[in-house]
C-alpha atoms as a PDB file:
ATOM      1  CA  MET A   1      90.400  22.392  30.500  1.00  0.00           C
ATOM      2  CA  ARG A   2      87.083  23.307  29.093  1.00  0.00           C
ATOM      3  CA  LEU A   3      87.039  20.493  26.668  1.00  0.00           C
ATOM      4  CA  PRO A   4      87.781  17.681  29.181  1.00  0.00           C
ATOM      5  CA  ALA A   5      85.136  18.904  31.284  1.00  0.00           C
ATOM      6  CA  LEU A   6      82.628  19.126  28.523  1.00  0.00           C
ATOM      7  CA  ALA A   7      83.472  15.584  27.597  1.00  0.00           C
ATOM      8  CA  ALA A   8      83.047  14.300  31.181  1.00  0.00           C
ATOM      9  CA  VAL A   9      79.538  16.055  31.166  1.00  0.00           C
ATOM     10  CA  LEU A  10      78.564  14.208  27.893  1.00  0.00           C
ATOM     11  CA  LEU A  11      79.846  11.183  29.131  1.00  0.00           C
ATOM     12  CA  VAL A  12      77.615  11.271  32.456  1.00  0.00           C
ATOM     13  CA  LEU A  13      74.450  12.571  30.070  1.00  0.00           C
ATOM     14  CA  SER A  14      75.163   9.602  27.924  1.00  0.00           C
ATOM     15  CA  ALA A  15      75.257   7.066  30.740  1.00  0.00           C
ATOM     16  CA  SER A  16      72.245   8.475  32.182  1.00  0.00           C
ATOM     17  CA  ALA A  17      70.364   8.366  28.998  1.00  0.00           C
ATOM     18  CA  ALA A  18      71.446   4.582  28.515  1.00  0.00           C
ATOM     19  CA  SER A  19      70.130   4.018  32.046  1.00  0.00           C
ATOM     20  CA  ALA A  20      66.873   5.626  31.544  1.00  0.00           C
ATOM     21  CA  GLN A  21      66.511   3.430  28.488  1.00  0.00           C
ATOM     22  CA  ARG A  22      67.088   0.288  30.281  1.00  0.00           C
ATOM     23  CA  GLN A  23      64.216   1.363  32.546  1.00  0.00           C
ATOM     24  CA  LEU A  24      61.689   2.070  30.105  1.00  0.00           C
ATOM     25  CA  ALA A  25      58.231   0.232  30.995  1.00  0.00           C
ATOM     26  CA  ALA A  26      57.307  -2.735  29.024  1.00  0.00           C
ATOM     27  CA  PRO A  27      54.994  -5.643  29.892  1.00  0.00           C
ATOM     28  CA  LEU A  28      56.354  -8.255  31.983  1.00  0.00           C
ATOM     29  CA  ALA A  29      56.476 -11.820  31.116  1.00  0.00           C
ATOM     30  CA  SER A  30      55.033 -12.805  34.500  1.00  0.00           C
ATOM     31  CA  PRO A  31      52.649  -9.903  35.299  1.00  0.00           C
ATOM     32  CA  HIS A  32      51.966  -8.644  38.662  1.00  0.00           C
ATOM     33  CA  ALA A  33      48.694  -9.519  40.569  1.00  0.00           C
ATOM     34  CA  ARG A  34      47.154  -9.015  43.952  1.00  0.00           C
ATOM     35  CA  VAL A  35      44.394 -10.853  45.712  1.00  0.00           C
ATOM     36  CA  ALA A  36      42.904  -9.685  48.881  1.00  0.00           C
ATOM     37  CA  GLN A  37      40.083 -10.907  51.276  1.00  0.00           C
ATOM     38  CA  THR A  38      38.585  -9.696  54.546  1.00  0.00           C
ATOM     39  CA  ILE A  39      37.689 -12.281  57.390  1.00  0.00           C
ATOM     40  CA  GLY A  40      35.849 -10.776  60.325  1.00  0.00           C
ATOM     41  CA  LEU A  41      38.132  -7.568  60.586  1.00  0.00           C
ATOM     42  CA  THR A  42      41.087  -9.183  59.305  1.00  0.00           C
ATOM     43  CA  ASP A  43      42.604  -8.117  56.070  1.00  0.00           C
ATOM     44  CA  LEU A  44      44.586 -10.603  53.854  1.00  0.00           C
ATOM     45  CA  ALA A  45      46.468 -10.022  50.684  1.00  0.00           C
ATOM     46  CA  VAL A  46      48.830 -11.779  48.686  1.00  0.00           C
ATOM     47  CA  ASP A  47      50.975  -9.714  45.862  1.00  0.00           C
ATOM     48  CA  TYR A  48      52.847 -12.068  43.433  1.00  0.00           C
ATOM     49  CA  HIS A  49      53.856 -12.250  39.891  1.00  0.00           C
ATOM     50  CA  ARG A  50      52.419 -14.779  37.310  1.00  0.00           C
ATOM     51  CA  PRO A  51      54.496 -17.159  35.474  1.00  0.00           C
ATOM     52  CA  ALA A  52      52.954 -19.402  32.363  1.00  0.00           C
ATOM     53  CA  VAL A  53      53.489 -22.878  31.902  1.00  0.00           C
ATOM     54  CA  GLY A  54      54.518 -22.067  28.200  1.00  0.00           C
ATOM     55  CA  GLY A  55      54.570 -25.658  27.240  1.00  0.00           C
ATOM     56  CA  ARG A  56      57.000 -26.818  29.899  1.00  0.00           C
ATOM     57  CA  THR A  57      56.986 -29.310  32.725  1.00  0.00           C
ATOM     58  CA  VAL A  58      56.464 -27.362  35.807  1.00  0.00           C
ATOM     59  CA  TRP A  59      56.659 -29.569  38.973  1.00  0.00           C
ATOM     60  CA  GLY A  60      59.867 -31.273  39.409  1.00  0.00           C
ATOM     61  CA  GLU A  61      61.639 -29.770  36.359  1.00  0.00           C
ATOM     62  CA  LEU A  62      60.811 -25.938  36.028  1.00  0.00           C
ATOM     63  CA  VAL A  63      60.125 -25.855  39.660  1.00  0.00           C
ATOM     64  CA  PRO A  64      62.428 -28.428  41.199  1.00  0.00           C
ATOM     65  CA  TYR A  65      61.482 -30.600  44.022  1.00  0.00           C
ATOM     66  CA  GLY A  66      63.178 -30.105  47.340  1.00  0.00           C
ATOM     67  CA  GLU A  67      64.340 -26.754  46.921  1.00  0.00           C
ATOM     68  CA  VAL A  68      63.079 -23.373  48.274  1.00  0.00           C
ATOM     69  CA  TRP A  69      60.870 -21.709  45.538  1.00  0.00           C
ATOM     70  CA  ARG A  70      59.384 -17.932  45.670  1.00  0.00           C
ATOM     71  CA  ALA A  71      55.981 -19.436  45.072  1.00  0.00           C
ATOM     72  CA  GLY A  72      55.562 -17.018  41.871  1.00  0.00           C
ATOM     73  CA  ALA A  73      57.991 -15.147  39.787  1.00  0.00           C
ATOM     74  CA  ASN A  74      60.338 -12.031  39.869  1.00  0.00           C
ATOM     75  CA  GLU A  75      60.320 -10.329  43.498  1.00  0.00           C
ATOM     76  CA  ASN A  76      59.247 -12.268  46.520  1.00  0.00           C
ATOM     77  CA  THR A  77      55.473 -13.291  46.676  1.00  0.00           C
ATOM     78  CA  VAL A  78      54.334 -11.092  49.632  1.00  0.00           C
ATOM     79  CA  PHE A  79      51.778 -12.189  52.082  1.00  0.00           C
ATOM     80  CA  THR A  80      50.151  -9.639  54.542  1.00  0.00           C
ATOM     81  CA  THR A  81      47.792 -10.040  57.493  1.00  0.00           C
ATOM     82  CA  SER A  82      46.437  -7.014  59.566  1.00  0.00           C
ATOM     83  CA  THR A  83      45.908  -9.028  62.684  1.00  0.00           C
ATOM     84  CA  ASP A  84      47.417 -12.188  64.170  1.00  0.00           C
ATOM     85  CA  ILE A  85      46.218 -15.468  62.586  1.00  0.00           C
ATOM     86  CA  GLN A  86      46.418 -19.225  62.506  1.00  0.00           C
ATOM     87  CA  VAL A  87      47.953 -20.791  59.615  1.00  0.00           C
ATOM     88  CA  GLU A  88      47.213 -24.554  59.481  1.00  0.00           C
ATOM     89  CA  GLY A  89      46.817 -24.103  63.368  1.00  0.00           C
ATOM     90  CA  ALA A  90      49.938 -22.281  64.120  1.00  0.00           C
ATOM     91  CA  THR A  91      50.323 -18.725  65.213  1.00  0.00           C
ATOM     92  CA  LEU A  92      51.480 -16.023  62.562  1.00  0.00           C
ATOM     93  CA  PRO A  93      51.739 -12.631  63.903  1.00  0.00           C
ATOM     94  CA  ALA A  94      50.275  -9.540  61.961  1.00  0.00           C
ATOM     95  CA  GLY A  95      52.745  -8.157  59.649  1.00  0.00           C
ATOM     96  CA  THR A  96      54.199  -8.682  55.970  1.00  0.00           C
ATOM     97  CA  TYR A  97      55.891 -11.640  54.882  1.00  0.00           C
ATOM     98  CA  GLY A  98      57.903 -13.236  51.932  1.00  0.00           C
ATOM     99  CA  LEU A  99      56.071 -16.183  50.871  1.00  0.00           C
ATOM    100  CA  HIS A 100      58.266 -19.299  49.894  1.00  0.00           C
ATOM    101  CA  VAL A 101      57.503 -23.069  49.498  1.00  0.00           C
ATOM    102  CA  ILE A 102      59.455 -26.234  49.217  1.00  0.00           C
ATOM    103  CA  PRO A 103      57.665 -28.303  46.669  1.00  0.00           C
ATOM    104  CA  THR A 104      58.052 -32.275  46.922  1.00  0.00           C
ATOM    105  CA  ASP A 105      56.027 -35.131  45.245  1.00  0.00           C
ATOM    106  CA  GLY A 106      54.066 -35.255  48.533  1.00  0.00           C
ATOM    107  CA  ASP A 107      53.517 -32.632  51.271  1.00  0.00           C
ATOM    108  CA  TRP A 108      54.886 -29.338  50.537  1.00  0.00           C
ATOM    109  CA  THR A 109      56.560 -26.909  53.050  1.00  0.00           C
ATOM    110  CA  VAL A 110      54.983 -23.307  53.263  1.00  0.00           C
ATOM    111  CA  ILE A 111      57.271 -20.529  54.604  1.00  0.00           C
ATOM    112  CA  PHE A 112      56.584 -17.226  55.747  1.00  0.00           C
ATOM    113  CA  SER A 113      59.929 -15.161  55.960  1.00  0.00           C
ATOM    114  CA  THR A 114      60.273 -11.887  57.817  1.00  0.00           C
ATOM    115  CA  VAL A 115      62.222 -10.661  54.827  1.00  0.00           C
ATOM    116  CA  SER A 116      59.726  -9.587  52.122  1.00  0.00           C
ATOM    117  CA  GLU A 117      61.878  -7.343  49.872  1.00  0.00           C
ATOM    118  CA  ALA A 118      64.236  -9.941  48.193  1.00  0.00           C
ATOM    119  CA  TRP A 119      64.306 -11.009  44.586  1.00  0.00           C
ATOM    120  CA  GLY A 120      62.988 -14.463  44.317  1.00  0.00           C
ATOM    121  CA  SER A 121      64.579 -16.985  46.902  1.00  0.00           C
ATOM    122  CA  TYR A 122      67.929 -16.531  46.011  1.00  0.00           C
ATOM    123  CA  SER A 123      68.854 -14.776  49.230  1.00  0.00           C
ATOM    124  CA  TYR A 124      66.344 -16.949  51.225  1.00  0.00           C
ATOM    125  CA  ASP A 125      67.655 -17.604  54.765  1.00  0.00           C
ATOM    126  CA  PRO A 126      65.906 -20.087  57.070  1.00  0.00           C
ATOM    127  CA  SER A 127      66.888 -18.117  60.157  1.00  0.00           C
ATOM    128  CA  GLU A 128      64.569 -15.415  59.005  1.00  0.00           C
ATOM    129  CA  ASP A 129      61.493 -17.673  58.980  1.00  0.00           C
ATOM    130  CA  ALA A 130      58.503 -16.555  60.837  1.00  0.00           C
ATOM    131  CA  LEU A 131      56.669 -19.733  60.305  1.00  0.00           C
ATOM    132  CA  ARG A 132      56.875 -23.030  58.514  1.00  0.00           C
ATOM    133  CA  VAL A 133      53.733 -25.257  57.908  1.00  0.00           C
ATOM    134  CA  ALA A 134      53.260 -28.498  56.075  1.00  0.00           C
ATOM    135  CA  VAL A 135      50.120 -28.840  53.576  1.00  0.00           C
ATOM    136  CA  THR A 136      49.155 -31.505  51.083  1.00  0.00           C
ATOM    137  CA  PRO A 137      48.602 -30.427  47.468  1.00  0.00           C
ATOM    138  CA  ARG A 138      45.922 -31.905  45.233  1.00  0.00           C
ATOM    139  CA  ALA A 139      45.253 -32.483  41.654  1.00  0.00           C
ATOM    140  CA  ALA A 140      43.392 -29.582  39.911  1.00  0.00           C
ATOM    141  CA  PRO A 141      42.293 -28.658  36.151  1.00  0.00           C
ATOM    142  CA  PRO A 142      45.152 -27.249  34.173  1.00  0.00           C
ATOM    143  CA  LYS A 143      46.097 -23.563  34.921  1.00  0.00           C
ATOM    144  CA  GLU A 144      48.335 -21.620  32.246  1.00  0.00           C
ATOM    145  CA  ARG A 145      49.177 -18.816  34.747  1.00  0.00           C
ATOM    146  CA  LEU A 146      49.853 -19.202  38.417  1.00  0.00           C
ATOM    147  CA  ALA A 147      47.066 -17.787  40.401  1.00  0.00           C
ATOM    148  CA  TYR A 148      46.123 -17.295  44.048  1.00  0.00           C
ATOM    149  CA  ARG A 149      42.809 -17.203  45.548  1.00  0.00           C
ATOM    150  CA  PHE A 150      40.908 -17.145  48.664  1.00  0.00           C
ATOM    151  CA  ASP A 151      38.232 -20.001  49.050  1.00  0.00           C
ATOM    152  CA  ALA A 152      35.422 -20.207  51.316  1.00  0.00           C
ATOM    153  CA  PRO A 153      35.880 -16.968  53.396  1.00  0.00           C
ATOM    154  CA  ASP A 154      33.511 -16.408  56.461  1.00  0.00           C
ATOM    155  CA  ASP A 155      33.806 -14.556  59.739  1.00  0.00           C
ATOM    156  CA  ASP A 156      36.814 -16.524  60.950  1.00  0.00           C
ATOM    157  CA  SER A 157      38.437 -18.274  58.319  1.00  0.00           C
ATOM    158  CA  ALA A 158      39.520 -18.816  54.517  1.00  0.00           C
ATOM    159  CA  THR A 159      41.728 -21.102  52.717  1.00  0.00           C
ATOM    160  CA  LEU A 160      44.423 -19.569  50.526  1.00  0.00           C
ATOM    161  CA  VAL A 161      45.145 -21.544  47.395  1.00  0.00           C
ATOM    162  CA  LEU A 162      48.029 -21.521  44.880  1.00  0.00           C
ATOM    163  CA  HIS A 163      46.876 -22.957  41.706  1.00  0.00           C
ATOM    164  CA  TRP A 164      49.026 -23.641  38.659  1.00  0.00           C
ATOM    165  CA  ALA A 165      49.836 -26.437  36.078  1.00  0.00           C
ATOM    166  CA  GLY A 166      47.255 -29.055  37.179  1.00  0.00           C
ATOM    167  CA  ARG A 167      48.018 -28.470  40.964  1.00  0.00           C
ATOM    168  CA  GLU A 168      46.451 -26.804  43.796  1.00  0.00           C
ATOM    169  CA  VAL A 169      47.944 -25.989  47.163  1.00  0.00           C
ATOM    170  CA  PRO A 170      45.608 -25.171  49.964  1.00  0.00           C
ATOM    171  CA  VAL A 171      46.534 -23.401  53.128  1.00  0.00           C
ATOM    172  CA  ARG A 172      44.186 -22.963  55.910  1.00  0.00           C
ATOM    173  CA  ILE A 173      43.851 -19.618  57.797  1.00  0.00           C
ATOM    174  CA  GLY A 174      41.818 -18.784  60.850  1.00  0.00           C
ATOM    175  CA  ALA A 175      41.346 -15.566  62.930  1.00  0.00           C
ATOM    176  CA  ASP A 176      40.132 -15.192  66.351  1.00  0.00           C
ATOM    177  CA  THR A 177      37.520 -12.556  65.034  1.00  0.00           C
ATOM    178  CA  PRO A 178      35.824 -12.092  68.270  1.00  0.00           C
ATOM    179  CA  ALA A 179      39.056 -11.015  70.109  1.00  0.00           C
ATOM    180  CA  VAL A 180      39.935  -8.923  67.094  1.00  0.00           C
ATOM    181  CA  VAL A 181      36.467  -7.171  67.004  1.00  0.00           C
ATOM    182  CA  LEU A 182      36.314  -6.642  70.841  1.00  0.00           C
ATOM    183  CA  ALA A 183      39.875  -4.879  70.795  1.00  0.00           C
ATOM    184  CA  SER A 184      38.652  -2.860  67.682  1.00  0.00           C
ATOM    185  CA  MET A 185      35.556  -1.768  69.722  1.00  0.00           C
ATOM    186  CA  GLU A 186      37.423  -0.825  72.657  1.00  0.00           C
ATOM    187  CA  ARG A 187      39.935   1.397  70.703  1.00  0.00           C
ATOM    188  CA  GLU A 188      36.934   3.160  69.169  1.00  0.00           C
ATOM    189  CA  LEU A 189      35.263   3.580  72.289  1.00  0.00           C
ATOM    190  CA  ARG A 190      38.279   5.732  73.510  1.00  0.00           C
ATOM    191  CA  GLY A 191      37.139   8.362  71.059  1.00  0.00           C
ATOM    192  CA  VAL A 192      33.960  10.116  70.714  1.00  0.00           C
ATOM    193  CA  GLY A 193      31.850   7.019  70.592  1.00  0.00           C
ATOM    194  CA  GLY A 194      32.602   6.502  74.161  1.00  0.00           C
ATOM    195  CA  PHE A 195      30.545   9.381  75.283  1.00  0.00           C
ATOM    196  CA  PHE A 196      27.154   7.632  74.173  1.00  0.00           C
ATOM    197  CA  PRO A 197      25.442   4.508  75.329  1.00  0.00           C
ATOM    198  CA  GLU A 198      25.139   2.971  72.105  1.00  0.00           C
ATOM    199  CA  GLY A 199      28.632   2.156  71.561  1.00  0.00           C
ATOM    200  CA  TRP A 200      28.914   0.627  75.064  1.00  0.00           C
ATOM    201  CA  ASP A 201      25.782  -1.535  74.485  1.00  0.00           C
ATOM    202  CA  GLN A 202      26.916  -2.754  71.231  1.00  0.00           C
ATOM    203  CA  ILE A 203      30.404  -4.077  72.597  1.00  0.00           C
ATOM    204  CA  ALA A 204      28.622  -5.664  75.629  1.00  0.00           C
ATOM    205  CA  ALA A 205      26.068  -7.300  73.280  1.00  0.00           C
ATOM    206  CA  TYR A 206      28.698  -8.629  70.940  1.00  0.00           C
ATOM    207  CA  ALA A 207      30.800 -10.059  73.869  1.00  0.00           C
ATOM    208  CA  LEU A 208      27.452 -11.808  75.065  1.00  0.00           C
ATOM    209  CA  ASP A 209      26.814 -13.314  71.749  1.00  0.00           C
ATOM    210  CA  ALA A 210      30.487 -14.364  71.353  1.00  0.00           C
ATOM    211  CA  GLY A 211      30.529 -15.782  74.906  1.00  0.00           C
ATOM    212  CA  ARG A 212      33.762 -13.568  75.424  1.00  0.00           C
ATOM    213  CA  ARG A 213      35.166 -11.379  78.287  1.00  0.00           C
ATOM    214  CA  LEU A 214      31.739 -11.515  80.195  1.00  0.00           C
ATOM    215  CA  ASP A 215      33.011  -9.651  83.408  1.00  0.00           C
ATOM    216  CA  ASP A 216      34.177  -6.771  81.110  1.00  0.00           C
ATOM    217  CA  ALA A 217      30.888  -6.927  79.097  1.00  0.00           C
ATOM    218  CA  LEU A 218      28.818  -6.462  82.261  1.00  0.00           C
ATOM    219  CA  ALA A 219      30.858  -3.195  83.014  1.00  0.00           C
ATOM    220  CA  TRP A 220      30.348  -2.140  79.675  1.00  0.00           C
ATOM    221  CA  ALA A 221      26.728  -2.699  79.650  1.00  0.00           C
ATOM    222  CA  ASP A 222      26.348  -0.879  83.264  1.00  0.00           C
ATOM    223  CA  ARG A 223      28.452   1.961  81.562  1.00  0.00           C
ATOM    224  CA  SER A 224      25.704   2.178  78.588  1.00  0.00           C
ATOM    225  CA  VAL A 225      22.726   2.006  81.259  1.00  0.00           C
ATOM    226  CA  GLU A 226      24.428   4.835  83.319  1.00  0.00           C
ATOM    227  CA  LEU A 227      24.785   7.016  80.152  1.00  0.00           C
ATOM    228  CA  ARG A 228      21.358   6.553  79.056  1.00  0.00           C
ATOM    229  CA  PRO A 229      19.032   3.498  80.261  1.00  0.00           C
ATOM    230  CA  GLY A 230      16.944   2.081  77.537  1.00  0.00           C
ATOM    231  CA  PHE A 231      15.224  -1.110  76.802  1.00  0.00           C
ATOM    232  CA  GLY A 232      18.054  -2.645  74.611  1.00  0.00           C
ATOM    233  CA  ASN A 233      21.023  -1.968  77.007  1.00  0.00           C
ATOM    234  CA  ARG A 234      19.105  -3.054  79.998  1.00  0.00           C
ATOM    235  CA  MET A 235      18.214  -6.319  78.213  1.00  0.00           C
ATOM    236  CA  THR A 236      21.797  -6.743  77.179  1.00  0.00           C
ATOM    237  CA  ARG A 237      22.627  -6.401  81.082  1.00  0.00           C
ATOM    238  CA  ALA A 238      20.087  -8.992  81.979  1.00  0.00           C
ATOM    239  CA  GLY A 239      21.472 -11.338  79.322  1.00  0.00           C
ATOM    240  CA  LEU A 240      24.896 -10.749  80.833  1.00  0.00           C
ATOM    241  CA  LEU A 241      23.767 -11.629  84.240  1.00  0.00           C
ATOM    242  CA  ASP A 242      22.220 -14.786  83.284  1.00  0.00           C
ATOM    243  CA  ALA A 243      25.402 -15.698  81.431  1.00  0.00           C
ATOM    244  CA  LEU A 244      27.437 -15.126  84.572  1.00  0.00           C
ATOM    245  CA  GLY A 245      25.064 -17.243  86.611  1.00  0.00           C
ATOM    246  CA  ARG A 246      23.433 -14.516  88.360  1.00  0.00           C
ATOM    247  CA  SER A 247      19.902 -15.744  87.317  1.00  0.00           C
ATOM    248  CA  ASP A 248      17.802 -14.007  90.003  1.00  0.00           C
ATOM    249  CA  GLU A 249      19.449 -10.459  89.278  1.00  0.00           C
ATOM    250  CA  ALA A 250      18.929 -11.210  85.519  1.00  0.00           C
ATOM    251  CA  ALA A 251      15.206 -11.956  85.957  1.00  0.00           C
ATOM    252  CA  GLU A 252      14.773  -8.900  88.282  1.00  0.00           C
ATOM    253  CA  ALA A 253      16.580  -6.689  85.645  1.00  0.00           C
ATOM    254  CA  ARG A 254      14.664  -8.114  82.597  1.00  0.00           C
ATOM    255  CA  ASP A 255      11.162  -7.579  84.340  1.00  0.00           C
ATOM    256  CA  ALA A 256      12.129  -3.993  85.208  1.00  0.00           C
ATOM    257  CA  ALA A 257      13.239  -3.472  81.491  1.00  0.00           C
ATOM    258  CA  TYR A 258       9.758  -4.740  80.297  1.00  0.00           C
ATOM    259  CA  ALA A 259       7.901  -2.577  82.654  1.00  0.00           C
ATOM    260  CA  ASP A 260       9.040   0.675  81.435  1.00  0.00           C
ATOM    261  CA  ALA A 261       9.098  -0.558  77.505  1.00  0.00           C
ATOM    262  CA  SER A 262       6.814   0.526  75.015  1.00  0.00           C
ATOM    263  CA  GLU A 263       5.862  -2.000  72.149  1.00  0.00           C
ATOM    264  CA  GLU A 264       7.932  -0.462  69.706  1.00  0.00           C
ATOM    265  CA  ASP A 265      11.040  -0.745  72.169  1.00  0.00           C
ATOM    266  CA  VAL A 266      10.264  -4.564  72.216  1.00  0.00           C
ATOM    267  CA  ARG A 267       9.925  -4.942  68.562  1.00  0.00           C
ATOM    268  CA  THR A 268      13.169  -2.936  67.821  1.00  0.00           C
ATOM    269  CA  TYR A 269      14.918  -5.203  70.342  1.00  0.00           C
ATOM    270  CA  ALA A 270      13.470  -8.484  68.761  1.00  0.00           C
ATOM    271  CA  ARG A 271      14.464  -7.029  65.277  1.00  0.00           C
ATOM    272  CA  ALA A 272      17.972  -6.626  66.509  1.00  0.00           C
ATOM    273  CA  ARG A 273      18.264 -10.185  68.293  1.00  0.00           C
ATOM    274  CA  ARG A 274      16.965 -11.785  64.971  1.00  0.00           C
ATOM    275  CA  ARG A 275      19.599  -9.844  62.904  1.00  0.00           C
ATOM    276  CA  ALA A 276      22.311 -11.308  65.639  1.00  0.00           C
ATOM    277  CA  GLY A 277      21.182 -14.856  64.758  1.00  0.00           C
ATOM    278  CA  ASP A 278      19.252 -15.158  68.165  1.00  0.00           C
ATOM    279  CA  ALA A 279      15.881 -16.219  67.049  1.00  0.00           C
ATOM    280  CA  ALA A 280      14.851 -17.481  70.358  1.00  0.00           C
ATOM    281  CA  GLY A 281      15.758 -14.429  71.958  1.00  0.00           C
ATOM    282  CA  ALA A 282      13.695 -12.260  69.483  1.00  0.00           C
ATOM    283  CA  ASP A 283      10.646 -14.765  69.902  1.00  0.00           C
ATOM    284  CA  ALA A 284      11.042 -14.516  73.713  1.00  0.00           C
ATOM    285  CA  ALA A 285      10.742 -10.777  73.572  1.00  0.00           C
ATOM    286  CA  LEU A 286       7.666 -10.679  71.126  1.00  0.00           C
ATOM    287  CA  GLY A 287       6.111 -13.291  73.570  1.00  0.00           C
ATOM    288  CA  ARG A 288       6.299 -10.759  76.327  1.00  0.00           C
ATOM    289  CA  LEU A 289       3.780  -8.690  74.215  1.00  0.00           C
ATOM    290  CA  GLY A 290       0.910 -11.213  74.671  1.00  0.00           C
ATOM    291  CA  GLY A 291       2.007 -13.380  71.946  1.00  0.00           C
ATOM    292  CA  ARG A 292       1.275 -10.552  69.292  1.00  0.00           C
ATOM    293  CA  PRO A 293       3.776 -11.143  66.174  1.00  0.00           C
END
């Protein structure tokens, strides 16, 4: 019995060795890549593999028209967003998605699938779609290896672009950054920051500048003033009263703030307003110093 047992062990070891040999690392024909971009507080990323043209005709041949394609090579191309976003005007919830496309000689369909761990598009199932949008490709300089990039990022938008073999496919992405920021600040204020006036003034001032949730913002400004009144948070509160149509109360609150303020208080506030893009507010504050710049 010992010889058959030994033979069985050797067979297992041989199979394991063969399996290990098949798994040795080597460069991929379509190397892995990742591109990421933050817009506001929203993190976007695409993980993908980069096939090469290699002298082939890509569109309509290597990548057939009218068929679902993985928009890359090897495993699913994977798109991730940390918050809810708008893709070509349609809502895509925060999450991780398999990215597929259906190319044609006209508009393309871009698909975000709830399944992101498949191999290619072979097991793609349209019932698992989270979102489909139509986009219009455009001619572009030749590109040997497929690449993704994010164009024109700003605080609330960017354009995801697939570029390969003389064609670009742009996909417009937008984020409701003020809503995201306010929700993030509210979460932070449930921690240690909620015990200090600065955080409450910051969220109130951000809401005022964004024109969002003004009633909540006034309550936040009140909380800041209750914790420790200062020129900055009292001015934020006055601005919110104005924005809510309570102009008489706003004027009274503003006059009271200036009555107790030092010159440095006013200059600090003016610098903060200028950084926030409110040049008129900064100039108005400095004007209360008797015109001194």
